Amino acid sequence: MAEQENGASVSSVFLAFIAGAATGAGLALLLAPKAGDEVRQQIKDLAEDALDRTKEYARTMQDKAREVLEKGKDAISCCKESAASEGDKPGA
């Protein structure tokens, strides 16, 4: 249970870090003395990169969630089988 709480905490910190980094980079680009077209292109590239990273992170979290779900299903199945075999024993 503690690992799940830490995992949620780590993911929240990671997302906050990414959001802060993207905001800081965007402001730095806007305040830098460059041509408007160049700044807009840099912002577009930064946004696309952030979107790609966010999608990759979401895929990773989905994969982990699927693994946990499968482990849970296996554990429930095992418990059901164990309970069924306990019920078949004489004197139970």
N, C-alpha and C. Protein backbone atom coordinates (compact mmCIF):
# COMPACT_ATOMS: atom_id res chain seq x y z
N MET A 1 0.82 -1.19 0.00
CA MET A 1 0.00 0.00 0.00
C MET A 1 0.87 1.25 0.00
N ALA A 2 1.96 1.23 0.78
CA ALA A 2 2.85 2.38 0.83
C ALA A 2 3.49 2.64 -0.52
N GLU A 3 3.78 1.58 -1.28
CA GLU A 3 4.38 1.76 -2.60
C GLU A 3 3.41 2.47 -3.53
N GLN A 4 2.13 2.15 -3.44
CA GLN A 4 1.15 2.81 -4.29
C GLN A 4 1.04 4.29 -3.93
N GLU A 5 1.07 4.60 -2.63
CA GLU A 5 1.00 6.00 -2.21
C GLU A 5 2.24 6.74 -2.70
N ASN A 6 3.41 6.12 -2.58
CA ASN A 6 4.63 6.75 -3.06
C ASN A 6 4.59 6.90 -4.57
N GLY A 7 4.07 5.93 -5.28
CA GLY A 7 3.97 6.00 -6.73
C GLY A 7 3.09 7.16 -7.17
N ALA A 8 1.97 7.34 -6.51
CA ALA A 8 1.09 8.46 -6.84
C ALA A 8 1.79 9.77 -6.54
N SER A 9 2.51 9.83 -5.45
CA SER A 9 3.22 11.04 -5.07
C SER A 9 4.30 11.36 -6.09
N VAL A 10 5.04 10.35 -6.52
CA VAL A 10 6.10 10.55 -7.50
C VAL A 10 5.52 11.02 -8.82
N SER A 11 4.42 10.43 -9.24
CA SER A 11 3.81 10.84 -10.52
C SER A 11 3.30 12.27 -10.43
N SER A 12 2.74 12.67 -9.29
CA SER A 12 2.27 14.04 -9.14
C SER A 12 3.43 15.02 -9.19
N VAL A 13 4.51 14.68 -8.53
CA VAL A 13 5.69 15.54 -8.54
C VAL A 13 6.26 15.62 -9.95
N PHE A 14 6.31 14.50 -10.64
CA PHE A 14 6.84 14.47 -12.00
C PHE A 14 6.01 15.36 -12.93
N LEU A 15 4.70 15.23 -12.87
CA LEU A 15 3.83 16.05 -13.71
C LEU A 15 3.96 17.53 -13.38
N ALA A 16 4.07 17.85 -12.08
CA ALA A 16 4.24 19.24 -11.69
C ALA A 16 5.57 19.78 -12.21
N PHE A 17 6.60 18.96 -12.14
CA PHE A 17 7.92 19.37 -12.66
C PHE A 17 7.85 19.65 -14.15
N ILE A 18 7.21 18.75 -14.91
CA ILE A 18 7.09 18.93 -16.35
C ILE A 18 6.30 20.20 -16.66
N ALA A 19 5.21 20.42 -15.96
CA ALA A 19 4.40 21.62 -16.19
C ALA A 19 5.19 22.88 -15.88
N GLY A 20 5.94 22.88 -14.78
CA GLY A 20 6.75 24.03 -14.42
C GLY A 20 7.87 24.29 -15.42
N ALA A 21 8.49 23.21 -15.86
CA ALA A 21 9.57 23.35 -16.85
C ALA A 21 9.03 23.91 -18.16
N ALA A 22 7.89 23.42 -18.60
CA ALA A 22 7.29 23.90 -19.84
C ALA A 22 6.90 25.37 -19.71
N THR A 23 6.33 25.74 -18.58
CA THR A 23 5.95 27.13 -18.35
C THR A 23 7.17 28.04 -18.36
N GLY A 24 8.21 27.62 -17.63
CA GLY A 24 9.44 28.42 -17.59
C GLY A 24 10.08 28.56 -18.95
N ALA A 25 10.13 27.49 -19.70
CA ALA A 25 10.73 27.54 -21.02
C ALA A 25 9.90 28.43 -21.96
N GLY A 26 8.59 28.34 -21.85
CA GLY A 26 7.73 29.18 -22.68
C GLY A 26 7.92 30.65 -22.37
N LEU A 27 8.00 30.99 -21.08
CA LEU A 27 8.22 32.39 -20.71
C LEU A 27 9.59 32.87 -21.16
N ALA A 28 10.59 32.02 -21.04
CA ALA A 28 11.93 32.40 -21.49
C ALA A 28 11.94 32.68 -22.98
N LEU A 29 11.23 31.87 -23.74
CA LEU A 29 11.16 32.09 -25.18
C LEU A 29 10.42 33.39 -25.52
N LEU A 30 9.34 33.64 -24.77
CA LEU A 30 8.57 34.85 -25.05
C LEU A 30 9.35 36.12 -24.70
N LEU A 31 10.18 36.06 -23.68
CA LEU A 31 10.91 37.24 -23.23
C LEU A 31 12.25 37.41 -23.94
N ALA A 32 12.69 36.42 -24.68
CA ALA A 32 13.96 36.51 -25.39
C ALA A 32 13.81 37.42 -26.60
N PRO A 33 14.86 38.20 -26.89
CA PRO A 33 14.78 39.11 -28.05
C PRO A 33 15.01 38.37 -29.37
N LYS A 34 13.92 37.86 -29.94
CA LYS A 34 13.99 37.13 -31.21
C LYS A 34 12.83 37.56 -32.08
N ALA A 35 12.90 37.18 -33.33
CA ALA A 35 11.81 37.49 -34.25
C ALA A 35 10.56 36.70 -33.88
N GLY A 36 9.39 37.25 -34.14
CA GLY A 36 8.12 36.62 -33.77
C GLY A 36 7.94 35.24 -34.37
N ASP A 37 8.30 35.09 -35.65
CA ASP A 37 8.15 33.78 -36.29
C ASP A 37 9.03 32.73 -35.62
N GLU A 38 10.23 33.14 -35.27
CA GLU A 38 11.16 32.21 -34.63
C GLU A 38 10.66 31.79 -33.25
N VAL A 39 10.15 32.75 -32.50
CA VAL A 39 9.61 32.45 -31.16
C VAL A 39 8.41 31.52 -31.26
N ARG A 40 7.51 31.81 -32.20
CA ARG A 40 6.32 30.96 -32.36
C ARG A 40 6.71 29.53 -32.73
N GLN A 41 7.70 29.39 -33.58
CA GLN A 41 8.16 28.05 -33.97
C GLN A 41 8.75 27.31 -32.78
N GLN A 42 9.53 28.03 -31.96
CA GLN A 42 10.13 27.40 -30.78
C GLN A 42 9.05 26.98 -29.79
N ILE A 43 8.05 27.83 -29.62
CA ILE A 43 6.95 27.49 -28.71
C ILE A 43 6.19 26.27 -29.24
N LYS A 44 5.95 26.24 -30.54
CA LYS A 44 5.27 25.10 -31.14
C LYS A 44 6.06 23.81 -30.93
N ASP A 45 7.39 23.89 -31.16
CA ASP A 45 8.24 22.71 -30.96
C ASP A 45 8.23 22.27 -29.50
N LEU A 46 8.30 23.22 -28.60
CA LEU A 46 8.28 22.91 -27.17
C LEU A 46 6.96 22.25 -26.78
N ALA A 47 5.85 22.78 -27.28
CA ALA A 47 4.55 22.21 -26.97
C ALA A 47 4.41 20.80 -27.52
N GLU A 48 4.89 20.57 -28.73
CA GLU A 48 4.83 19.23 -29.31
C GLU A 48 5.68 18.24 -28.51
N ASP A 49 6.85 18.69 -28.08
CA ASP A 49 7.72 17.84 -27.28
C ASP A 49 7.06 17.50 -25.94
N ALA A 50 6.46 18.50 -25.30
CA ALA A 50 5.77 18.27 -24.03
C ALA A 50 4.60 17.30 -24.21
N LEU A 51 3.88 17.45 -25.30
CA LEU A 51 2.75 16.56 -25.58
C LEU A 51 3.24 15.12 -25.80
N ASP A 52 4.32 14.97 -26.55
CA ASP A 52 4.88 13.63 -26.77
C ASP A 52 5.31 12.98 -25.46
N ARG A 53 5.98 13.75 -24.62
CA ARG A 53 6.43 13.21 -23.32
C ARG A 53 5.24 12.84 -22.44
N THR A 54 4.21 13.67 -22.46
CA THR A 54 3.02 13.38 -21.66
C THR A 54 2.33 12.12 -22.14
N LYS A 55 2.23 11.96 -23.46
CA LYS A 55 1.62 10.75 -24.01
C LYS A 55 2.43 9.51 -23.63
N GLU A 56 3.74 9.60 -23.71
CA GLU A 56 4.60 8.47 -23.34
C GLU A 56 4.43 8.12 -21.86
N TYR A 57 4.37 9.15 -21.02
CA TYR A 57 4.17 8.93 -19.59
C TYR A 57 2.81 8.26 -19.35
N ALA A 58 1.78 8.71 -20.06
CA ALA A 58 0.45 8.12 -19.90
C ALA A 58 0.45 6.66 -20.34
N ARG A 59 1.15 6.35 -21.44
CA ARG A 59 1.24 4.95 -21.89
C ARG A 59 1.95 4.09 -20.84
N THR A 60 2.99 4.63 -20.26
CA THR A 60 3.73 3.90 -19.22
C THR A 60 2.82 3.62 -18.03
N MET A 61 2.06 4.63 -17.61
CA MET A 61 1.15 4.45 -16.47
C MET A 61 0.05 3.45 -16.81
N GLN A 62 -0.45 3.46 -18.05
CA GLN A 62 -1.47 2.48 -18.45
C GLN A 62 -0.90 1.07 -18.40
N ASP A 63 0.32 0.90 -18.87
CA ASP A 63 0.95 -0.42 -18.84
C ASP A 63 1.10 -0.91 -17.40
N LYS A 64 1.53 -0.02 -16.51
CA LYS A 64 1.68 -0.40 -15.10
C LYS A 64 0.33 -0.74 -14.49
N ALA A 65 -0.69 0.02 -14.84
CA ALA A 65 -2.03 -0.26 -14.31
C ALA A 65 -2.53 -1.62 -14.80
N ARG A 66 -2.25 -1.94 -16.06
CA ARG A 66 -2.65 -3.26 -16.59
C ARG A 66 -1.94 -4.38 -15.83
N GLU A 67 -0.65 -4.19 -15.56
CA GLU A 67 0.11 -5.20 -14.82
C GLU A 67 -0.48 -5.43 -13.44
N VAL A 68 -0.80 -4.33 -12.75
CA VAL A 68 -1.39 -4.44 -11.42
C VAL A 68 -2.74 -5.12 -11.49
N LEU A 69 -3.54 -4.79 -12.49
CA LEU A 69 -4.85 -5.41 -12.66
C LEU A 69 -4.71 -6.91 -12.88
N GLU A 70 -3.78 -7.31 -13.73
CA GLU A 70 -3.57 -8.74 -14.00
C GLU A 70 -3.11 -9.46 -12.73
N LYS A 71 -2.20 -8.85 -11.98
CA LYS A 71 -1.74 -9.46 -10.73
C LYS A 71 -2.90 -9.61 -9.75
N GLY A 72 -3.76 -8.60 -9.71
CA GLY A 72 -4.93 -8.67 -8.82
C GLY A 72 -5.87 -9.78 -9.23
N LYS A 73 -6.10 -9.91 -10.54
CA LYS A 73 -6.98 -10.98 -11.03
C LYS A 73 -6.38 -12.34 -10.70
N ASP A 74 -5.06 -12.49 -10.88
CA ASP A 74 -4.40 -13.76 -10.56
C ASP A 74 -4.52 -14.07 -9.07
N ALA A 75 -4.35 -13.05 -8.23
CA ALA A 75 -4.44 -13.26 -6.78
C ALA A 75 -5.86 -13.68 -6.39
N ILE A 76 -6.85 -13.05 -6.96
CA ILE A 76 -8.25 -13.39 -6.66
C ILE A 76 -8.55 -14.81 -7.12
N SER A 77 -8.08 -15.15 -8.31
CA SER A 77 -8.29 -16.50 -8.83
C SER A 77 -7.64 -17.54 -7.93
N CYS A 78 -6.44 -17.24 -7.50
CA CYS A 78 -5.72 -18.16 -6.62
C CYS A 78 -6.47 -18.33 -5.29
N CYS A 79 -6.98 -17.21 -4.74
CA CYS A 79 -7.71 -17.28 -3.47
C CYS A 79 -9.01 -18.08 -3.63
N LYS A 80 -9.68 -17.89 -4.76
CA LYS A 80 -10.91 -18.65 -5.00
C LYS A 80 -10.62 -20.14 -5.10
N GLU A 81 -9.54 -20.48 -5.82
CA GLU A 81 -9.16 -21.89 -5.94
C GLU A 81 -8.78 -22.49 -4.60
N SER A 82 -8.07 -21.71 -3.81
CA SER A 82 -7.65 -22.17 -2.49
C SER A 82 -8.87 -22.38 -1.58
N ALA A 83 -9.80 -21.44 -1.63
CA ALA A 83 -11.01 -21.55 -0.81
C ALA A 83 -11.85 -22.74 -1.26
N ALA A 84 -11.90 -22.98 -2.55
CA ALA A 84 -12.68 -24.11 -3.07
C ALA A 84 -12.06 -25.42 -2.64
N SER A 85 -10.73 -25.50 -2.67
CA SER A 85 -10.09 -26.75 -2.27
C SER A 85 -10.19 -26.96 -0.76
N GLU A 86 -10.22 -25.91 0.00
CA GLU A 86 -10.40 -26.01 1.47
C GLU A 86 -11.80 -26.52 1.78
N GLY A 87 -12.76 -26.11 1.00
CA GLY A 87 -14.14 -26.56 1.20
C GLY A 87 -14.32 -28.02 0.86
N ASP A 88 -13.47 -28.61 0.03
CA ASP A 88 -13.57 -30.00 -0.37
C ASP A 88 -12.96 -30.94 0.64
N LYS A 89 -12.16 -30.41 1.59
CA LYS A 89 -11.49 -31.28 2.57
C LYS A 89 -12.51 -31.79 3.59
N PRO A 90 -12.33 -33.06 4.03
CA PRO A 90 -13.24 -33.60 5.05
C PRO A 90 -13.03 -32.85 6.38
N GLY A 91 -14.11 -32.64 7.08
CA GLY A 91 -14.04 -31.97 8.37
C GLY A 91 -14.01 -30.46 8.26
N ALA A 92 -14.15 -29.97 7.05
CA ALA A 92 -14.10 -28.50 6.87
C ALA A 92 -15.47 -27.92 6.92
